[in-house]
């Protein structure tokens, strides 16, 4: 397990060092993240999901366990943050329910072997759209912005990860496959996204923010990487999931929150600075927690 986590940790550290040293300046990381978000990972999702043997019947319990975990975790996040101001409450909800699927995909081969990526892809199919919808609704209720329903629907529909997941799923269900040259092109583009995304995670860590361990930050850390994987394991054992499905689900819920939630928080009146602090700590703690959760699964 150490052999699986060390390359991830070292790649994240390399991203941190590249930004801290100024080799790749701070202002250059935004376009790199946009490249991942807009192209590399949608292409990777289309490639993985369209070619995966999703076996929805066999994986129905896996999908149910994921959705139960999200619903329970989201409800607990709102209840635990009830006394906070609205923007902070939205950040606790977002950092509990959003997940860094990029990091999960990058970690999947080491943790799950060759069969791991399709299970993480399946998790993406199940998680991405509901989580984005739920976060937009929560921000609309408790954030300082008040977007229209039409604007919320447009934001969800324009999410490139939602689009990539749905395109891949539609191709899979229709039995469509890319021609050989395009398939190779998609594989090359998507594979580049994994390493670049890990570098971006490292570059997103702000050392100064790590010194701010407030009660709100600790609450965010209680959900990831602690409570959410525990909730999933409880659901997985109750549903009788196999070891591989348990490992995949634990990986999905133990990775840190997604960086795009920070952008959403800024745009819709959430507590963006708190989001950044929680995300930085979750990233560091997840590196240590992932092997422990894998052993328990």
Protein backbone atom coordinates (compact mmCIF):
# COMPACT_ATOMS: atom_id res chain seq x y z
CA UNK A 1 0.00 0.00 0.00
CA UNK A 2 2.91 2.36 0.67
CA UNK A 3 4.06 1.79 -2.91
CA UNK A 4 0.63 2.99 -4.09
CA UNK A 5 0.48 6.16 -1.98
CA UNK A 6 4.10 7.37 -2.22
CA UNK A 7 4.03 8.28 -5.94
CA UNK A 8 0.84 10.25 -5.30
CA UNK A 9 2.37 12.07 -2.32
CA UNK A 10 5.57 12.82 -4.24
CA UNK A 11 3.67 14.17 -7.25
CA UNK A 12 1.58 16.41 -4.99
CA UNK A 13 4.78 17.58 -3.28
CA UNK A 14 6.31 18.32 -6.68
CA UNK A 15 3.34 20.57 -7.53
CA UNK A 16 3.73 22.40 -4.23
CA UNK A 17 7.48 22.85 -4.85
CA UNK A 18 6.97 24.08 -8.42
CA UNK A 19 4.65 26.85 -7.23
CA UNK A 20 6.55 27.70 -4.03
CA UNK A 21 9.84 28.00 -5.92
CA UNK A 22 8.33 30.14 -8.65
CA UNK A 23 9.44 27.73 -11.39
CA UNK A 24 5.78 27.72 -12.43
CA UNK A 25 4.39 31.03 -11.13
CA UNK A 26 1.15 31.18 -9.16
CA UNK A 27 -0.71 32.89 -12.00
CA UNK A 28 0.13 30.04 -14.39
CA UNK A 29 -1.69 27.37 -12.38
CA UNK A 30 -5.15 28.71 -13.12
CA UNK A 31 -4.91 27.94 -16.85
CA UNK A 32 -3.42 24.52 -16.06
CA UNK A 33 -6.37 23.72 -13.79
CA UNK A 34 -8.73 24.95 -16.51
CA UNK A 35 -7.06 22.60 -19.01
CA UNK A 36 -7.68 19.67 -16.64
CA UNK A 37 -11.22 20.71 -15.88
CA UNK A 38 -12.30 21.59 -19.40
CA UNK A 39 -10.45 19.01 -21.52
CA UNK A 40 -8.26 16.37 -19.89
CA UNK A 41 -10.74 14.96 -17.41
CA UNK A 42 -13.88 15.13 -19.54
CA UNK A 43 -11.93 13.21 -22.20
CA UNK A 44 -10.71 10.74 -19.57
CA UNK A 45 -14.27 10.23 -18.30
CA UNK A 46 -15.59 9.62 -21.81
CA UNK A 47 -12.80 7.11 -22.45
CA UNK A 48 -13.17 5.20 -19.17
CA UNK A 49 -16.97 5.19 -18.89
CA UNK A 50 -17.67 4.42 -22.55
CA UNK A 51 -15.36 1.40 -22.47
CA UNK A 52 -16.11 0.16 -18.95
CA UNK A 53 -18.11 -2.95 -18.20
CA UNK A 54 -20.39 -1.06 -15.86
CA UNK A 55 -22.70 -4.02 -15.26
CA UNK A 56 -25.37 -1.84 -13.67
CA UNK A 57 -27.29 -4.81 -12.35
CA UNK A 58 -24.27 -6.23 -10.57
CA UNK A 59 -23.20 -2.80 -9.32
CA UNK A 60 -26.63 -1.61 -8.21
CA UNK A 61 -25.80 -2.13 -4.52
CA UNK A 62 -22.50 -0.26 -5.01
CA UNK A 63 -24.41 2.71 -6.46
CA UNK A 64 -26.97 2.53 -3.62
CA UNK A 65 -24.19 2.55 -1.00
CA UNK A 66 -22.67 5.65 -2.64
CA UNK A 67 -25.97 7.52 -2.76
CA UNK A 68 -26.88 6.56 0.83
CA UNK A 69 -23.48 7.81 2.00
CA UNK A 70 -23.91 11.12 0.17
CA UNK A 71 -27.42 11.64 1.55
CA UNK A 72 -26.45 10.76 5.11
CA UNK A 73 -23.21 12.73 5.02
CA UNK A 74 -24.86 15.79 3.51
CA UNK A 75 -27.65 15.75 6.09
CA UNK A 76 -25.14 15.40 8.93
CA UNK A 77 -23.03 18.25 7.51
CA UNK A 78 -26.04 20.59 7.49
CA UNK A 79 -27.05 19.52 11.00
CA UNK A 80 -23.52 19.86 12.43
CA UNK A 81 -23.12 23.35 10.93
CA UNK A 82 -26.57 24.63 11.93
CA UNK A 83 -25.17 27.29 14.28
CA UNK A 84 -22.70 28.67 11.73
CA UNK A 85 -23.42 31.58 9.43
CA UNK A 86 -24.89 30.69 6.04
CA UNK A 87 -21.74 30.92 3.87
CA UNK A 88 -19.71 28.80 6.30
CA UNK A 89 -22.53 26.26 6.42
CA UNK A 90 -22.44 25.89 2.64
CA UNK A 91 -18.70 25.27 2.77
CA UNK A 92 -19.07 22.51 5.36
CA UNK A 93 -21.67 20.89 3.10
CA UNK A 94 -19.54 21.26 -0.02
CA UNK A 95 -16.34 19.95 1.54
CA UNK A 96 -18.21 16.94 2.94
CA UNK A 97 -19.98 15.94 -0.27
CA UNK A 98 -17.68 17.04 -3.09
CA UNK A 99 -14.77 14.72 -3.89
CA UNK A 100 -11.55 14.95 -5.87
CA UNK A 101 -12.32 12.36 -8.51
CA UNK A 102 -9.06 13.28 -10.24
CA UNK A 103 -7.07 12.12 -7.22
CA UNK A 104 -9.22 8.99 -6.87
CA UNK A 105 -8.58 8.09 -10.51
CA UNK A 106 -4.86 8.64 -10.09
CA UNK A 107 -4.77 6.46 -6.97
CA UNK A 108 -7.02 3.72 -8.37
CA UNK A 109 -4.36 1.60 -10.16
CA UNK A 110 -2.21 1.33 -7.04
CA UNK A 111 -5.09 0.66 -4.67
CA UNK A 112 -7.43 -1.36 -6.85
CA UNK A 113 -5.39 -2.76 -9.72
CA UNK A 114 -6.54 -2.89 -13.35
CA UNK A 115 -10.21 -3.26 -12.36
CA UNK A 116 -10.18 -0.12 -10.25
CA UNK A 117 -10.65 2.65 -12.83
CA UNK A 118 -14.10 1.44 -14.03
CA UNK A 119 -15.34 1.35 -10.43
CA UNK A 120 -14.15 4.91 -9.83
CA UNK A 121 -15.74 5.86 -13.16
CA UNK A 122 -18.99 4.28 -11.97
CA UNK A 123 -18.72 6.33 -8.78
CA UNK A 124 -18.31 9.43 -10.94
CA UNK A 125 -21.44 8.55 -12.90
CA UNK A 126 -23.37 8.22 -9.64
CA UNK A 127 -21.86 11.17 -7.74
CA UNK A 128 -21.08 14.05 -10.08
CA UNK A 129 -24.53 15.21 -11.18
CA UNK A 130 -26.36 14.77 -7.80
CA UNK A 131 -23.56 16.45 -5.85
CA UNK A 132 -23.36 19.43 -8.19
CA UNK A 133 -27.14 19.86 -8.03
CA UNK A 134 -27.20 19.54 -4.22
CA UNK A 135 -24.32 22.01 -3.73
CA UNK A 136 -25.93 24.60 -6.00
CA UNK A 137 -29.23 24.23 -4.10
CA UNK A 138 -27.51 24.58 -0.70
CA UNK A 139 -25.57 27.63 -1.87
CA UNK A 140 -28.79 29.12 -3.23
CA UNK A 141 -30.43 28.68 0.18
CA UNK A 142 -27.59 29.70 2.52
CA UNK A 143 -25.02 31.52 0.37
CA UNK A 144 -25.02 35.29 0.03
CA UNK A 145 -25.86 35.08 -3.68
CA UNK A 146 -29.34 34.32 -4.96
CA UNK A 147 -29.11 32.78 -8.46
CA UNK A 148 -32.23 31.97 -10.45
CA UNK A 149 -33.40 28.42 -11.07
CA UNK A 150 -32.55 28.90 -14.74
CA UNK A 151 -29.02 29.95 -13.80
CA UNK A 152 -28.62 26.95 -11.53
CA UNK A 153 -29.77 24.56 -14.26
CA UNK A 154 -27.41 26.21 -16.75
CA UNK A 155 -24.48 25.91 -14.33
CA UNK A 156 -25.11 22.18 -13.85
CA UNK A 157 -25.66 21.56 -17.56
CA UNK A 158 -22.43 23.35 -18.48
CA UNK A 159 -20.29 21.41 -15.99
CA UNK A 160 -17.73 19.60 -18.20
CA UNK A 161 -17.46 16.69 -15.75
CA UNK A 162 -21.22 16.18 -15.87
CA UNK A 163 -21.07 16.39 -19.66
CA UNK A 164 -18.17 13.94 -19.94
CA UNK A 165 -19.87 11.46 -17.62
CA UNK A 166 -23.15 11.62 -19.51
CA UNK A 167 -21.50 11.31 -22.93
CA UNK A 168 -19.48 8.29 -21.78
CA UNK A 169 -22.56 6.72 -20.22
CA UNK A 170 -24.66 7.28 -23.36
CA UNK A 171 -21.94 5.70 -25.52
CA UNK A 172 -21.66 2.75 -23.15
CA UNK A 173 -25.39 2.10 -23.09
CA UNK A 174 -25.64 2.45 -26.88
CA UNK A 175 -22.68 0.13 -27.46
CA UNK A 176 -20.76 2.83 -29.34
CA UNK A 177 -16.95 2.85 -29.52
CA UNK A 178 -14.50 5.39 -30.87
CA UNK A 179 -12.54 4.48 -34.02
CA UNK A 180 -9.00 3.24 -33.31
CA UNK A 181 -7.17 6.50 -34.00
CA UNK A 182 -9.61 8.56 -31.92
CA UNK A 183 -9.52 5.98 -29.14
CA UNK A 184 -5.73 6.24 -28.95
CA UNK A 185 -5.98 10.04 -28.99
CA UNK A 186 -8.48 10.04 -26.12
CA UNK A 187 -6.28 7.65 -24.12
CA UNK A 188 -3.22 9.89 -24.58
CA UNK A 189 -5.07 13.06 -23.60
CA UNK A 190 -6.81 11.47 -20.63
CA UNK A 191 -3.67 9.80 -19.28
CA UNK A 192 -1.91 13.16 -19.19
CA UNK A 193 -4.61 14.52 -16.93
CA UNK A 194 -3.86 12.27 -13.97
CA UNK A 195 -0.33 13.50 -13.28
CA UNK A 196 -1.18 17.11 -14.08
CA UNK A 197 -4.16 17.04 -11.71
CA UNK A 198 -1.97 15.79 -8.85
CA UNK A 199 0.52 18.58 -9.54
CA UNK A 200 -2.39 21.07 -9.38
CA UNK A 201 -3.53 19.63 -6.04
CA UNK A 202 -0.04 20.26 -4.65
CA UNK A 203 0.09 23.74 -6.13
CA UNK A 204 -3.24 24.52 -4.48
CA UNK A 205 -1.88 23.90 -0.97
CA UNK A 206 -1.25 27.19 0.83
CA UNK A 207 1.22 26.70 3.69
CA UNK A 208 -0.10 29.77 5.51
CA UNK A 209 -3.62 28.38 5.60
CA UNK A 210 -2.45 25.19 7.28
CA UNK A 211 -1.76 27.20 10.45
CA UNK A 212 -5.44 28.14 10.76
CA UNK A 213 -7.06 25.23 12.57
CA UNK A 214 -10.39 26.77 13.58
CA UNK A 215 -13.42 24.87 14.83
CA UNK A 216 -15.00 25.14 11.39
CA UNK A 217 -11.86 23.69 9.77
CA UNK A 218 -11.84 20.79 12.22
CA UNK A 219 -15.50 20.11 11.45
CA UNK A 220 -14.66 19.92 7.76
CA UNK A 221 -11.86 17.45 8.53
CA UNK A 222 -14.22 15.31 10.57
CA UNK A 223 -16.18 14.55 7.41
CA UNK A 224 -13.26 13.95 5.07
CA UNK A 225 -11.30 11.79 5.45
CA UNK A 226 -13.02 10.35 8.57
CA UNK A 227 -16.83 10.22 8.65
CA UNK A 228 -17.66 9.82 4.94
CA UNK A 229 -15.60 6.65 4.36
CA UNK A 230 -16.94 5.25 7.65
CA UNK A 231 -20.52 5.86 6.48
CA UNK A 232 -19.76 4.17 3.17
CA UNK A 233 -18.23 1.12 4.83
CA UNK A 234 -21.29 0.78 7.07
CA UNK A 235 -23.56 0.87 4.00
CA UNK A 236 -21.26 -1.46 2.06
CA UNK A 237 -21.20 -4.09 4.82
CA UNK A 238 -24.99 -3.81 5.23
CA UNK A 239 -25.45 -4.42 1.49
CA UNK A 240 -22.86 -7.20 1.34
CA UNK A 241 -20.50 -5.51 -1.16
CA UNK A 242 -17.33 -7.32 -2.19
CA UNK A 243 -13.85 -6.22 -1.20
CA UNK A 244 -13.08 -4.46 -4.50
CA UNK A 245 -16.29 -2.40 -4.34
CA UNK A 246 -15.58 -1.54 -0.68
CA UNK A 247 -12.06 -0.40 -1.57
CA UNK A 248 -13.32 1.71 -4.48
CA UNK A 249 -15.98 3.38 -2.35
CA UNK A 250 -13.57 4.06 0.49
CA UNK A 251 -11.18 5.64 -2.00
CA UNK A 252 -13.96 7.85 -3.37
CA UNK A 253 -14.97 9.10 0.08
CA UNK A 254 -11.53 9.38 1.70
CA UNK A 255 -9.98 11.61 -0.96
CA UNK A 256 -10.16 15.36 -0.29
CA UNK A 257 -12.84 17.68 -1.58
CA UNK A 258 -12.74 18.99 -5.15
CA UNK A 259 -10.99 22.23 -6.03
CA UNK A 260 -13.86 23.39 -8.25
CA UNK A 261 -16.02 23.82 -5.13
CA UNK A 262 -13.79 26.78 -4.20
CA UNK A 263 -14.71 28.48 -7.49
CA UNK A 264 -18.40 27.74 -6.88
CA UNK A 265 -18.14 29.16 -3.35
CA UNK A 266 -16.66 32.40 -4.66
CA UNK A 267 -19.30 32.68 -7.38
CA UNK A 268 -22.35 31.91 -5.22
CA UNK A 269 -21.55 33.55 -1.90
CA UNK A 270 -20.05 30.67 0.06
CA UNK A 271 -17.13 30.97 2.49
CA UNK A 272 -14.30 30.50 -0.03
CA UNK A 273 -11.36 31.12 2.37
CA UNK A 274 -12.72 28.46 4.74
CA UNK A 275 -13.10 26.10 1.77
CA UNK A 276 -9.43 26.58 0.86
CA UNK A 277 -8.28 25.92 4.43
CA UNK A 278 -10.33 22.72 4.73
CA UNK A 279 -9.22 21.51 1.30
CA UNK A 280 -5.54 22.01 2.12
CA UNK A 281 -5.80 20.02 5.36
CA UNK A 282 -7.95 17.31 3.79
CA UNK A 283 -5.35 16.83 1.05
CA UNK A 284 -2.57 16.27 3.57
CA UNK A 285 -4.61 14.04 5.88
CA UNK A 286 -5.95 11.93 3.02
CA UNK A 287 -2.43 10.86 2.10
CA UNK A 288 -2.07 9.31 5.56
CA UNK A 289 -5.67 8.11 5.86
CA UNK A 290 -6.03 6.27 2.54
CA UNK A 291 -3.83 3.28 3.49
CA UNK A 292 -5.64 2.99 6.85
CA UNK A 293 -9.08 2.96 5.24
CA UNK A 294 -7.90 0.49 2.60
CA UNK A 295 -6.79 -1.85 5.38
CA UNK A 296 -10.17 -1.56 7.13
CA UNK A 297 -12.11 -2.18 3.93
